[in-house]
Amino acid sequence: MTKKRGFRIDLHVHSMYSGESLAEPRDILDAALERGLDGICITEHHSLYASRPFDELKREYPSLVVLRGVEISTDSGHMLVYGVEDTEWDDWGKNRLVNGQELIDRVRKLGGIAIPAHPWQVMAGAGNQEGLHFTVDERITTLRNLTAIEVCNGKGLCHPIICEILGTYARHRELGGIGGSDAHVPENVGNAYTVFKTPIYSSRDLVGALLSKMYYPQTS
């Protein structure tokens, strides 16, 4: 029996509107189609408003679901926020470091979800052949009301042990595990993504699916 491919979304992508990327929005969406993704979520740094140009472009890409989130810097590391609309949001974290627990709780009250991004840390040691030792970022271990963590991040794919460590942590804590490329250039779009059991067509669908934990991270 052939295994169903699921609904594949890259949940962590940046464009030129993040400031540290030069990627044009259209190039990002073209890359998503080329990689065979069903959807993509743009997560610019600090501002949900910054990704609004993608709302206009998505009409030209009817076969691709284009969603918008935001990546916020907190004292517990970076957080990916999904399911919060422009009218309920401001530029949190742009000029100050946000408290991670406060962010999780605030987003939850707004009907969204906040997920720790790339929550690993590296220390010099004898952890592997390159003399590096990877562990779960201790800052997330005391957070309450977590639903999931980013298990596979594109920037960490050169060290596959990272996905394994974070996946084990997520399972032990009964958390979901998502995948996202963290792409800042089109070439990296889709090198990590999340496979959902059911199709996702809106931010509300995404939040519901993330809460269900019926998904898994995948790399390409």
N, C-alpha and C. Protein backbone atom coordinates (compact mmCIF):
# COMPACT_ATOMS: atom_id res chain seq x y z
N MET A 1 0.85 -1.20 0.00
CA MET A 1 0.00 0.00 0.00
C MET A 1 0.88 1.25 0.00
N THR A 2 0.56 2.19 -0.86
CA THR A 2 1.34 3.43 -0.95
C THR A 2 0.96 4.37 0.19
N LYS A 3 1.96 4.87 0.88
CA LYS A 3 1.71 5.79 1.98
C LYS A 3 1.30 7.16 1.44
N LYS A 4 0.25 7.73 2.02
CA LYS A 4 -0.19 9.05 1.60
C LYS A 4 0.87 10.08 1.94
N ARG A 5 1.05 11.04 1.05
CA ARG A 5 2.11 12.02 1.23
C ARG A 5 1.78 13.08 2.26
N GLY A 6 0.51 13.24 2.61
CA GLY A 6 0.14 14.26 3.58
C GLY A 6 0.16 15.65 2.97
N PHE A 7 -0.10 16.64 3.80
CA PHE A 7 -0.15 18.04 3.38
C PHE A 7 1.10 18.72 3.93
N ARG A 8 1.96 19.16 3.03
CA ARG A 8 3.31 19.60 3.41
C ARG A 8 3.42 21.13 3.43
N ILE A 9 3.76 21.67 4.59
CA ILE A 9 3.89 23.12 4.76
C ILE A 9 5.23 23.45 5.40
N ASP A 10 5.96 24.36 4.79
CA ASP A 10 7.16 24.93 5.41
C ASP A 10 6.68 26.04 6.35
N LEU A 11 6.84 25.83 7.65
CA LEU A 11 6.26 26.73 8.64
C LEU A 11 7.20 27.83 9.12
N HIS A 12 8.35 27.99 8.48
CA HIS A 12 9.32 28.98 8.98
C HIS A 12 10.13 29.53 7.81
N VAL A 13 9.66 30.64 7.24
CA VAL A 13 10.30 31.22 6.06
C VAL A 13 10.38 32.74 6.19
N HIS A 14 11.51 33.29 5.76
CA HIS A 14 11.72 34.74 5.79
C HIS A 14 11.93 35.29 4.38
N SER A 15 11.61 36.57 4.22
CA SER A 15 11.85 37.26 2.95
C SER A 15 12.57 38.57 3.22
N MET A 16 12.65 39.40 2.22
CA MET A 16 13.32 40.69 2.33
C MET A 16 12.70 41.57 3.42
N TYR A 17 11.48 41.26 3.82
CA TYR A 17 10.82 42.08 4.84
C TYR A 17 11.28 41.75 6.26
N SER A 18 12.16 40.76 6.38
CA SER A 18 12.75 40.47 7.69
C SER A 18 14.00 41.30 7.94
N GLY A 19 14.50 41.98 6.92
CA GLY A 19 15.66 42.84 7.12
C GLY A 19 16.98 42.16 6.86
N GLU A 20 17.12 40.90 7.28
CA GLU A 20 18.39 40.20 7.09
C GLU A 20 18.35 39.25 5.90
N SER A 21 17.30 39.36 5.09
CA SER A 21 17.15 38.55 3.90
C SER A 21 16.97 39.45 2.69
N LEU A 22 17.44 38.99 1.54
CA LEU A 22 17.25 39.73 0.30
C LEU A 22 16.26 39.03 -0.63
N ALA A 23 15.59 38.00 -0.11
CA ALA A 23 14.71 37.18 -0.94
C ALA A 23 13.43 37.92 -1.32
N GLU A 24 13.17 38.01 -2.61
CA GLU A 24 11.94 38.61 -3.11
C GLU A 24 10.76 37.67 -2.83
N PRO A 25 9.61 38.21 -2.45
CA PRO A 25 8.45 37.37 -2.16
C PRO A 25 8.08 36.41 -3.29
N ARG A 26 8.09 36.90 -4.51
CA ARG A 26 7.71 36.03 -5.63
C ARG A 26 8.69 34.87 -5.79
N ASP A 27 9.97 35.13 -5.55
CA ASP A 27 10.97 34.07 -5.64
C ASP A 27 10.76 33.01 -4.56
N ILE A 28 10.32 33.46 -3.38
CA ILE A 28 10.03 32.53 -2.28
C ILE A 28 8.87 31.61 -2.67
N LEU A 29 7.81 32.17 -3.22
CA LEU A 29 6.64 31.38 -3.58
C LEU A 29 6.94 30.44 -4.75
N ASP A 30 7.72 30.92 -5.71
CA ASP A 30 8.13 30.06 -6.82
C ASP A 30 8.93 28.87 -6.31
N ALA A 31 9.82 29.12 -5.36
CA ALA A 31 10.64 28.05 -4.80
C ALA A 31 9.78 27.03 -4.07
N ALA A 32 8.75 27.50 -3.38
CA ALA A 32 7.86 26.57 -2.66
C ALA A 32 7.17 25.62 -3.64
N LEU A 33 6.73 26.15 -4.76
CA LEU A 33 6.10 25.30 -5.77
C LEU A 33 7.10 24.32 -6.36
N GLU A 34 8.29 24.79 -6.64
CA GLU A 34 9.32 23.92 -7.22
C GLU A 34 9.68 22.77 -6.29
N ARG A 35 9.59 23.01 -4.98
CA ARG A 35 9.92 21.96 -4.01
C ARG A 35 8.74 21.03 -3.74
N GLY A 36 7.61 21.30 -4.38
CA GLY A 36 6.46 20.42 -4.22
C GLY A 36 5.70 20.60 -2.93
N LEU A 37 5.83 21.78 -2.32
CA LEU A 37 5.10 22.04 -1.09
C LEU A 37 3.63 22.34 -1.37
N ASP A 38 2.79 22.04 -0.41
CA ASP A 38 1.37 22.39 -0.51
C ASP A 38 1.10 23.77 0.07
N GLY A 39 1.98 24.19 0.97
CA GLY A 39 1.79 25.48 1.61
C GLY A 39 3.08 26.02 2.19
N ILE A 40 3.01 27.28 2.60
CA ILE A 40 4.17 27.96 3.16
C ILE A 40 3.66 29.00 4.16
N CYS A 41 4.41 29.20 5.23
CA CYS A 41 4.04 30.23 6.19
C CYS A 41 5.20 31.21 6.33
N ILE A 42 4.92 32.46 6.03
CA ILE A 42 5.93 33.51 6.11
C ILE A 42 6.00 34.02 7.54
N THR A 43 7.19 33.98 8.12
CA THR A 43 7.36 34.35 9.54
C THR A 43 8.44 35.42 9.66
N GLU A 44 8.11 36.63 9.25
CA GLU A 44 9.09 37.71 9.34
C GLU A 44 9.41 38.02 10.80
N HIS A 45 10.58 38.60 11.03
CA HIS A 45 11.00 38.91 12.38
C HIS A 45 10.20 40.08 12.97
N HIS A 46 9.64 39.86 14.15
CA HIS A 46 9.07 40.90 15.01
C HIS A 46 7.77 41.53 14.53
N SER A 47 7.42 41.40 13.26
CA SER A 47 6.25 42.10 12.75
C SER A 47 5.40 41.21 11.87
N LEU A 48 4.15 41.03 12.25
CA LEU A 48 3.20 40.33 11.39
C LEU A 48 2.82 41.21 10.21
N TYR A 49 2.74 42.49 10.45
CA TYR A 49 2.35 43.44 9.41
C TYR A 49 3.31 43.40 8.22
N ALA A 50 4.60 43.13 8.49
CA ALA A 50 5.62 43.18 7.44
C ALA A 50 5.35 42.22 6.29
N SER A 51 4.66 41.12 6.56
CA SER A 51 4.44 40.11 5.53
C SER A 51 3.16 40.32 4.73
N ARG A 52 2.48 41.43 4.92
CA ARG A 52 1.21 41.67 4.23
C ARG A 52 1.31 41.62 2.70
N PRO A 53 2.44 42.01 2.08
CA PRO A 53 2.52 41.91 0.62
C PRO A 53 2.25 40.50 0.09
N PHE A 54 2.47 39.48 0.91
CA PHE A 54 2.21 38.12 0.46
C PHE A 54 0.72 37.86 0.26
N ASP A 55 -0.13 38.60 0.97
CA ASP A 55 -1.57 38.43 0.79
C ASP A 55 -2.01 38.82 -0.61
N GLU A 56 -1.35 39.82 -1.18
CA GLU A 56 -1.67 40.24 -2.54
C GLU A 56 -1.14 39.25 -3.57
N LEU A 57 0.05 38.72 -3.32
CA LEU A 57 0.68 37.80 -4.26
C LEU A 57 0.01 36.43 -4.32
N LYS A 58 -0.57 35.99 -3.22
CA LYS A 58 -1.04 34.61 -3.17
C LYS A 58 -2.17 34.33 -4.16
N ARG A 59 -2.83 35.38 -4.65
CA ARG A 59 -3.86 35.18 -5.67
C ARG A 59 -3.27 34.62 -6.95
N GLU A 60 -1.99 34.89 -7.17
CA GLU A 60 -1.32 34.39 -8.37
C GLU A 60 -0.82 32.96 -8.21
N TYR A 61 -1.00 32.39 -7.02
CA TYR A 61 -0.51 31.04 -6.73
C TYR A 61 -1.65 30.20 -6.15
N PRO A 62 -2.68 29.92 -6.95
CA PRO A 62 -3.86 29.23 -6.43
C PRO A 62 -3.60 27.82 -5.91
N SER A 63 -2.53 27.19 -6.35
CA SER A 63 -2.24 25.82 -5.91
C SER A 63 -1.37 25.78 -4.65
N LEU A 64 -1.02 26.97 -4.13
CA LEU A 64 -0.16 27.04 -2.95
C LEU A 64 -0.88 27.80 -1.83
N VAL A 65 -0.98 27.19 -0.67
CA VAL A 65 -1.56 27.87 0.49
C VAL A 65 -0.49 28.77 1.09
N VAL A 66 -0.78 30.06 1.18
CA VAL A 66 0.18 31.04 1.71
C VAL A 66 -0.38 31.62 3.01
N LEU A 67 0.29 31.32 4.10
CA LEU A 67 -0.12 31.81 5.42
C LEU A 67 0.93 32.76 5.97
N ARG A 68 0.55 33.49 7.01
CA ARG A 68 1.48 34.45 7.61
C ARG A 68 1.52 34.27 9.12
N GLY A 69 2.74 34.25 9.65
CA GLY A 69 2.95 34.21 11.09
C GLY A 69 3.98 35.27 11.43
N VAL A 70 4.70 35.08 12.53
CA VAL A 70 5.73 36.03 12.92
C VAL A 70 6.73 35.31 13.82
N GLU A 71 7.99 35.73 13.78
CA GLU A 71 9.01 35.19 14.68
C GLU A 71 9.42 36.29 15.66
N ILE A 72 9.29 36.00 16.94
CA ILE A 72 9.53 36.98 17.99
C ILE A 72 10.72 36.55 18.85
N SER A 73 11.58 37.50 19.19
CA SER A 73 12.69 37.23 20.11
C SER A 73 12.20 37.37 21.54
N THR A 74 12.48 36.35 22.36
CA THR A 74 12.07 36.38 23.77
C THR A 74 13.25 35.99 24.66
N ASP A 75 13.06 36.12 25.95
CA ASP A 75 14.12 35.71 26.87
C ASP A 75 14.20 34.18 27.00
N SER A 76 13.32 33.48 26.29
CA SER A 76 13.37 32.02 26.22
C SER A 76 13.77 31.54 24.84
N GLY A 77 14.33 32.44 24.04
CA GLY A 77 14.68 32.12 22.66
C GLY A 77 13.64 32.64 21.68
N HIS A 78 13.81 32.33 20.42
CA HIS A 78 12.87 32.78 19.40
C HIS A 78 11.59 31.94 19.44
N MET A 79 10.47 32.60 19.16
CA MET A 79 9.17 31.93 19.14
C MET A 79 8.48 32.19 17.80
N LEU A 80 7.92 31.13 17.23
CA LEU A 80 7.09 31.25 16.03
C LEU A 80 5.64 31.36 16.47
N VAL A 81 4.97 32.39 15.99
CA VAL A 81 3.58 32.65 16.38
C VAL A 81 2.67 32.48 15.17
N TYR A 82 1.61 31.68 15.35
CA TYR A 82 0.65 31.42 14.28
C TYR A 82 -0.77 31.71 14.77
N GLY A 83 -1.62 32.12 13.83
CA GLY A 83 -3.04 32.25 14.13
C GLY A 83 -3.47 33.54 14.77
N VAL A 84 -2.62 34.56 14.76
CA VAL A 84 -2.98 35.87 15.30
C VAL A 84 -3.10 36.85 14.14
N GLU A 85 -4.18 37.60 14.09
CA GLU A 85 -4.43 38.49 12.97
C GLU A 85 -3.83 39.87 13.20
N ASP A 86 -3.70 40.64 12.12
CA ASP A 86 -3.13 41.99 12.19
C ASP A 86 -3.84 42.87 13.21
N THR A 87 -5.16 42.75 13.26
CA THR A 87 -5.93 43.63 14.14
C THR A 87 -5.74 43.31 15.62
N GLU A 88 -5.12 42.18 15.92
CA GLU A 88 -4.92 41.76 17.31
C GLU A 88 -3.45 41.82 17.72
N TRP A 89 -2.65 42.46 16.91
CA TRP A 89 -1.21 42.33 17.08
C TRP A 89 -0.51 43.69 17.03
N ASP A 90 0.67 43.74 17.61
CA ASP A 90 1.56 44.88 17.40
C ASP A 90 2.97 44.33 17.23
N ASP A 91 3.94 45.20 17.06
CA ASP A 91 5.31 44.75 16.81
C ASP A 91 6.01 44.37 18.11
N TRP A 92 5.53 43.31 18.73
CA TRP A 92 6.15 42.84 19.96
C TRP A 92 7.60 42.44 19.70
N GLY A 93 8.48 42.80 20.60
CA GLY A 93 9.85 42.34 20.53
C GLY A 93 10.75 43.13 19.61
N LYS A 94 10.20 44.13 18.95
CA LYS A 94 11.02 44.88 18.01
C LYS A 94 12.03 45.76 18.72
N ASN A 95 11.63 46.36 19.82
CA ASN A 95 12.51 47.26 20.55
C ASN A 95 12.81 46.79 21.97
N ARG A 96 12.33 45.59 22.32
CA ARG A 96 12.61 45.06 23.65
C ARG A 96 12.52 43.55 23.60
N LEU A 97 13.13 42.90 24.59
CA LEU A 97 13.09 41.45 24.67
C LEU A 97 11.84 41.03 25.43
N VAL A 98 11.00 40.24 24.78
CA VAL A 98 9.73 39.83 25.35
C VAL A 98 9.93 38.64 26.29
N ASN A 99 9.13 38.59 27.34
CA ASN A 99 9.13 37.43 28.22
C ASN A 99 8.45 36.26 27.51
N GLY A 100 9.14 35.13 27.41
CA GLY A 100 8.63 34.00 26.66
C GLY A 100 7.31 33.47 27.17
N GLN A 101 7.17 33.34 28.47
CA GLN A 101 5.93 32.82 29.04
C GLN A 101 4.77 33.79 28.80
N GLU A 102 5.04 35.08 28.92
CA GLU A 102 4.00 36.08 28.65
C GLU A 102 3.52 35.99 27.21
N LEU A 103 4.47 35.78 26.29
CA LEU A 103 4.10 35.67 24.88
C LEU A 103 3.21 34.45 24.65
N ILE A 104 3.61 33.31 25.18
CA ILE A 104 2.82 32.09 25.02
C ILE A 104 1.40 32.30 25.53
N ASP A 105 1.28 32.89 26.71
CA ASP A 105 -0.04 33.08 27.32
C ASP A 105 -0.87 34.11 26.56
N ARG A 106 -0.22 35.17 26.10
CA ARG A 106 -0.96 36.21 25.38
C ARG A 106 -1.49 35.67 24.06
N VAL A 107 -0.63 34.97 23.33
CA VAL A 107 -1.04 34.41 22.04
C VAL A 107 -2.16 33.40 22.22
N ARG A 108 -2.07 32.61 23.26
CA ARG A 108 -3.11 31.62 23.53
C ARG A 108 -4.46 32.28 23.76
N LYS A 109 -4.48 33.39 24.49
CA LYS A 109 -5.73 34.11 24.74
C LYS A 109 -6.31 34.68 23.45
N LEU A 110 -5.44 34.99 22.49
CA LEU A 110 -5.89 35.53 21.21
C LEU A 110 -6.31 34.44 20.23
N GLY A 111 -6.22 33.18 20.65
CA GLY A 111 -6.63 32.08 19.79
C GLY A 111 -5.53 31.56 18.90
N GLY A 112 -4.30 31.96 19.16
CA GLY A 112 -3.17 31.50 18.37
C GLY A 112 -2.32 30.51 19.13
N ILE A 113 -1.12 30.30 18.61
CA ILE A 113 -0.20 29.35 19.23
C ILE A 113 1.23 29.85 19.04
N ALA A 114 2.04 29.72 20.08
CA ALA A 114 3.45 30.13 20.03
C ALA A 114 4.32 28.90 20.23
N ILE A 115 5.30 28.73 19.35
CA ILE A 115 6.14 27.53 19.33
C ILE A 115 7.61 27.93 19.35
N PRO A 116 8.41 27.40 20.28
CA PRO A 116 9.85 27.71 20.29
C PRO A 116 10.52 27.29 18.99
N ALA A 117 11.28 28.21 18.41
CA ALA A 117 12.01 27.95 17.17
C ALA A 117 13.44 27.52 17.47
N HIS A 118 13.95 26.59 16.66
CA HIS A 118 15.33 26.07 16.79
C HIS A 118 15.82 26.05 18.25
N PRO A 119 15.11 25.32 19.13
CA PRO A 119 15.45 25.37 20.56
C PRO A 119 16.57 24.42 20.97
N TRP A 120 17.73 24.61 20.38
CA TRP A 120 18.89 23.83 20.80
C TRP A 120 20.02 24.76 21.18
N GLN A 121 20.98 24.21 21.89
CA GLN A 121 22.19 24.96 22.21
C GLN A 121 23.37 24.04 21.95
N VAL A 122 24.51 24.62 21.68
CA VAL A 122 25.70 23.83 21.36
C VAL A 122 26.82 24.22 22.31
N MET A 123 27.55 23.21 22.74
CA MET A 123 28.67 23.43 23.65
C MET A 123 29.88 22.68 23.12
N ALA A 124 31.05 23.23 23.35
CA ALA A 124 32.28 22.54 22.97
C ALA A 124 32.42 21.29 23.83
N GLY A 125 32.84 20.21 23.22
CA GLY A 125 32.99 18.98 23.97
C GLY A 125 33.19 17.80 23.04
N ALA A 126 32.97 16.63 23.54
CA ALA A 126 33.21 15.42 22.77
C ALA A 126 31.89 14.79 22.32
N GLY A 127 30.92 15.63 21.98
CA GLY A 127 29.60 15.12 21.63
C GLY A 127 29.55 14.39 20.31
N ASN A 128 30.38 14.73 19.35
CA ASN A 128 30.40 14.03 18.08
C ASN A 128 31.76 14.21 17.42
N GLN A 129 31.86 13.76 16.21
CA GLN A 129 33.15 13.77 15.53
C GLN A 129 33.68 15.18 15.28
N GLU A 130 32.81 16.17 15.34
CA GLU A 130 33.26 17.54 15.11
C GLU A 130 33.58 18.25 16.42
N GLY A 131 33.51 17.53 17.53
CA GLY A 131 33.83 18.13 18.82
C GLY A 131 32.75 19.03 19.36
N LEU A 132 31.50 18.83 18.90
CA LEU A 132 30.38 19.65 19.37
C LEU A 132 29.39 18.78 20.12
N HIS A 133 28.75 19.37 21.09
CA HIS A 133 27.73 18.65 21.87
C HIS A 133 26.44 19.47 21.84
N PHE A 134 25.38 18.88 21.31
CA PHE A 134 24.10 19.57 21.19
C PHE A 134 23.15 19.12 22.28
N THR A 135 22.41 20.06 22.84
CA THR A 135 21.40 19.76 23.85
C THR A 135 20.17 20.63 23.60
N VAL A 136 19.08 20.29 24.26
CA VAL A 136 17.87 21.12 24.22
C VAL A 136 18.17 22.43 24.95
N ASP A 137 17.73 23.53 24.38
CA ASP A 137 17.91 24.83 25.02
C ASP A 137 17.19 24.82 26.37
N GLU A 138 17.96 24.96 27.44
CA GLU A 138 17.38 24.85 28.78
C GLU A 138 16.32 25.92 29.07
N ARG A 139 16.32 27.00 28.28
CA ARG A 139 15.36 28.07 28.52
C ARG A 139 13.92 27.64 28.26
N ILE A 140 13.72 26.61 27.42
CA ILE A 140 12.34 26.20 27.12
C ILE A 140 11.83 25.16 28.11
N THR A 141 12.71 24.61 28.93
CA THR A 141 12.31 23.48 29.78
C THR A 141 11.36 23.88 30.91
N THR A 142 11.30 25.16 31.23
CA THR A 142 10.40 25.60 32.31
C THR A 142 9.14 26.29 31.78
N LEU A 143 8.99 26.36 30.46
CA LEU A 143 7.82 27.02 29.89
C LEU A 143 6.57 26.18 30.08
N ARG A 144 5.46 26.83 30.37
CA ARG A 144 4.18 26.17 30.56
C ARG A 144 3.29 26.38 29.33
N ASN A 145 2.32 25.50 29.18
CA ASN A 145 1.32 25.60 28.12
C ASN A 145 1.91 25.51 26.72
N LEU A 146 3.01 24.79 26.58
CA LEU A 146 3.56 24.55 25.25
C LEU A 146 2.77 23.44 24.56
N THR A 147 2.59 23.59 23.26
CA THR A 147 1.93 22.56 22.46
C THR A 147 2.93 21.81 21.60
N ALA A 148 3.95 22.53 21.12
CA ALA A 148 4.92 21.93 20.20
C ALA A 148 6.23 22.71 20.25
N ILE A 149 7.26 22.12 19.67
CA ILE A 149 8.53 22.81 19.44
C ILE A 149 8.96 22.55 18.00
N GLU A 150 9.84 23.40 17.51
CA GLU A 150 10.39 23.18 16.17
C GLU A 150 11.50 22.13 16.30
N VAL A 151 11.23 20.94 15.82
CA VAL A 151 12.17 19.83 15.93
C VAL A 151 13.22 19.87 14.83
N CYS A 152 12.78 20.13 13.60
CA CYS A 152 13.71 20.19 12.47
C CYS A 152 13.73 21.60 11.89
N ASN A 153 14.88 22.24 11.97
CA ASN A 153 15.09 23.58 11.43
C ASN A 153 16.14 23.48 10.35
N GLY A 154 15.89 24.12 9.21
CA GLY A 154 16.79 24.00 8.08
C GLY A 154 18.23 24.35 8.37
N LYS A 155 18.43 25.29 9.27
CA LYS A 155 19.80 25.71 9.57
C LYS A 155 20.58 24.66 10.34
N GLY A 156 19.87 23.70 10.92
CA GLY A 156 20.55 22.67 11.70
C GLY A 156 20.72 21.35 10.97
N LEU A 157 20.35 21.30 9.68
CA LEU A 157 20.36 20.03 8.95
C LEU A 157 21.76 19.47 8.74
N CYS A 158 22.79 20.33 8.87
CA CYS A 158 24.15 19.82 8.72
C CYS A 158 24.54 18.96 9.93
N HIS A 159 23.70 19.00 10.97
CA HIS A 159 23.92 18.17 12.16
C HIS A 159 22.62 17.41 12.44
N PRO A 160 22.38 16.27 11.77
CA PRO A 160 21.12 15.53 11.92
C PRO A 160 20.80 15.14 13.36
N ILE A 161 21.82 15.06 14.21
CA ILE A 161 21.60 14.69 15.60
C ILE A 161 20.67 15.68 16.30
N ILE A 162 20.64 16.94 15.80
CA ILE A 162 19.78 17.95 16.43
C ILE A 162 18.31 17.55 16.35
N CYS A 163 17.86 17.13 15.16
CA CYS A 163 16.47 16.71 15.00
C CYS A 163 16.16 15.52 15.90
N GLU A 164 17.12 14.63 16.03
CA GLU A 164 16.92 13.45 16.88
C GLU A 164 16.77 13.85 18.35
N ILE A 165 17.65 14.73 18.81
CA ILE A 165 17.61 15.17 20.21
C ILE A 165 16.30 15.90 20.52
N LEU A 166 15.91 16.82 19.63
CA LEU A 166 14.68 17.58 19.87
C LEU A 166 13.45 16.71 19.72
N GLY A 167 13.49 15.76 18.78
CA GLY A 167 12.36 14.85 18.62
C GLY A 167 12.15 13.99 19.86
N THR A 168 13.24 13.51 20.43
CA THR A 168 13.16 12.71 21.65
C THR A 168 12.59 13.54 22.80
N TYR A 169 13.06 14.78 22.91
CA TYR A 169 12.55 15.66 23.97
C TYR A 169 11.05 15.91 23.79
N ALA A 170 10.63 16.18 22.55
CA ALA A 170 9.21 16.44 22.29
C ALA A 170 8.35 15.24 22.67
N ARG A 171 8.79 14.05 22.30
CA ARG A 171 8.02 12.84 22.63
C ARG A 171 7.92 12.64 24.14
N HIS A 172 9.03 12.84 24.84
CA HIS A 172 9.02 12.65 26.29
C HIS A 172 8.12 13.66 27.00
N ARG A 173 8.02 14.85 26.42
CA ARG A 173 7.17 15.89 27.03
C ARG A 173 5.77 15.92 26.44
N GLU A 174 5.49 14.97 25.53
CA GLU A 174 4.19 14.87 24.85
C GLU A 174 3.87 16.15 24.09
N LEU A 175 4.88 16.68 23.40
CA LEU A 175 4.73 17.87 22.57
C LEU A 175 4.73 17.47 21.11
N GLY A 176 4.08 18.28 20.28
CA GLY A 176 4.18 18.09 18.85
C GLY A 176 5.55 18.55 18.36
N GLY A 177 5.93 18.08 17.19
CA GLY A 177 7.21 18.51 16.61
C GLY A 177 7.00 18.99 15.19
N ILE A 178 7.38 20.24 14.91
CA ILE A 178 7.20 20.79 13.57
C ILE A 178 8.54 20.91 12.86
N GLY A 179 8.48 21.13 11.55
CA GLY A 179 9.67 21.37 10.75
C GLY A 179 9.50 22.64 9.93
N GLY A 180 10.58 23.39 9.80
CA GLY A 180 10.58 24.61 9.00
C GLY A 180 11.98 24.91 8.51
N SER A 181 12.08 25.46 7.33
CA SER A 181 13.40 25.68 6.72
C SER A 181 14.18 26.81 7.36
N ASP A 182 13.47 27.80 7.91
CA ASP A 182 14.12 29.03 8.38
C ASP A 182 14.87 29.68 7.22
N ALA A 183 14.30 29.53 6.02
CA ALA A 183 14.96 30.02 4.81
C ALA A 183 15.03 31.54 4.78
N HIS A 184 16.19 32.04 4.39
CA HIS A 184 16.39 33.46 4.14
C HIS A 184 16.74 33.70 2.67
N VAL A 185 16.88 32.60 1.92
CA VAL A 185 17.09 32.65 0.47
C VAL A 185 16.18 31.61 -0.16
N PRO A 186 15.73 31.83 -1.40
CA PRO A 186 14.79 30.90 -2.03
C PRO A 186 15.31 29.47 -2.11
N GLU A 187 16.62 29.31 -2.29
CA GLU A 187 17.20 27.98 -2.46
C GLU A 187 16.97 27.07 -1.25
N ASN A 188 16.74 27.66 -0.09
CA ASN A 188 16.58 26.85 1.12
C ASN A 188 15.13 26.57 1.49
N VAL A 189 14.20 27.15 0.76
CA VAL A 189 12.78 26.92 1.05
C VAL A 189 12.47 25.42 0.91
N GLY A 190 11.80 24.87 1.90
CA GLY A 190 11.37 23.48 1.82
C GLY A 190 12.40 22.45 2.20
N ASN A 191 13.58 22.86 2.68
CA ASN A 191 14.53 21.82 3.08
C ASN A 191 14.16 21.19 4.42
N ALA A 192 13.22 21.81 5.12
CA ALA A 192 12.55 21.20 6.28
C ALA A 192 11.12 21.70 6.27
N TYR A 193 10.17 20.83 6.61
CA TYR A 193 8.77 21.22 6.56
C TYR A 193 7.97 20.31 7.49
N THR A 194 6.68 20.59 7.59
CA THR A 194 5.80 19.81 8.46
C THR A 194 4.76 19.10 7.60
N VAL A 195 4.55 17.83 7.88
CA VAL A 195 3.56 17.04 7.15
C VAL A 195 2.32 16.86 8.04
N PHE A 196 1.20 17.38 7.56
CA PHE A 196 -0.07 17.30 8.30
C PHE A 196 -0.94 16.18 7.73
N LYS A 197 -1.77 15.63 8.58
CA LYS A 197 -2.66 14.54 8.17
C LYS A 197 -3.77 15.06 7.27
N THR A 198 -4.22 16.28 7.53
CA THR A 198 -5.33 16.86 6.77
C THR A 198 -4.89 18.18 6.12
N PRO A 199 -5.57 18.61 5.06
CA PRO A 199 -5.22 19.87 4.40
C PRO A 199 -5.40 21.07 5.32
N ILE A 200 -4.58 22.08 5.09
CA ILE A 200 -4.63 23.34 5.83
C ILE A 200 -4.90 24.45 4.83
N TYR A 201 -5.94 25.24 5.06
CA TYR A 201 -6.26 26.31 4.12
C TYR A 201 -6.28 27.70 4.76
N SER A 202 -6.20 27.77 6.07
CA SER A 202 -6.28 29.06 6.75
C SER A 202 -5.47 29.01 8.05
N SER A 203 -5.27 30.17 8.64
CA SER A 203 -4.57 30.23 9.92
C SER A 203 -5.34 29.48 11.00
N ARG A 204 -6.66 29.56 10.92
CA ARG A 204 -7.49 28.82 11.90
C ARG A 204 -7.29 27.33 11.74
N ASP A 205 -7.26 26.86 10.49
CA ASP A 205 -6.98 25.45 10.23
C ASP A 205 -5.63 25.06 10.81
N LEU A 206 -4.64 25.93 10.62
CA LEU A 206 -3.29 25.63 11.08
C LEU A 206 -3.24 25.48 12.60
N VAL A 207 -3.85 26.41 13.31
CA VAL A 207 -3.84 26.34 14.77
C VAL A 207 -4.53 25.06 15.24
N GLY A 208 -5.67 24.75 14.63
CA GLY A 208 -6.39 23.53 15.01
C GLY A 208 -5.56 22.29 14.77
N ALA A 209 -4.86 22.26 13.64
CA ALA A 209 -4.03 21.10 13.32
C ALA A 209 -2.85 20.99 14.27
N LEU A 210 -2.23 22.13 14.61
CA LEU A 210 -1.10 22.10 15.53
C LEU A 210 -1.53 21.62 16.91
N LEU A 211 -2.71 22.02 17.35
CA LEU A 211 -3.21 21.58 18.65
C LEU A 211 -3.51 20.08 18.66
N SER A 212 -3.86 19.53 17.50
CA SER A 212 -4.19 18.10 17.40
C SER A 212 -2.95 17.22 17.50
N LYS A 213 -1.80 17.78 17.18
CA LYS A 213 -0.51 17.07 17.18
C LYS A 213 -0.48 15.93 16.16
N MET A 214 -1.34 16.00 15.15
CA MET A 214 -1.38 14.99 14.10
C MET A 214 -0.51 15.44 12.92
N TYR A 215 0.78 15.47 13.15
CA TYR A 215 1.73 15.93 12.13
C TYR A 215 3.13 15.49 12.55
N TYR A 216 4.07 15.67 11.63
CA TYR A 216 5.45 15.32 11.96
C TYR A 216 6.40 16.15 11.09
N PRO A 217 7.63 16.37 11.56
CA PRO A 217 8.60 17.14 10.78
C PRO A 217 9.27 16.25 9.74
N GLN A 218 9.67 16.87 8.64
CA GLN A 218 10.32 16.13 7.56
C GLN A 218 11.41 17.00 6.95
N THR A 219 12.46 16.38 6.46
CA THR A 219 13.52 17.10 5.75
C THR A 219 13.64 16.57 4.33
N SER A 220 14.21 17.38 3.46
CA SER A 220 14.37 16.94 2.07
C SER A 220 15.82 17.12 1.62
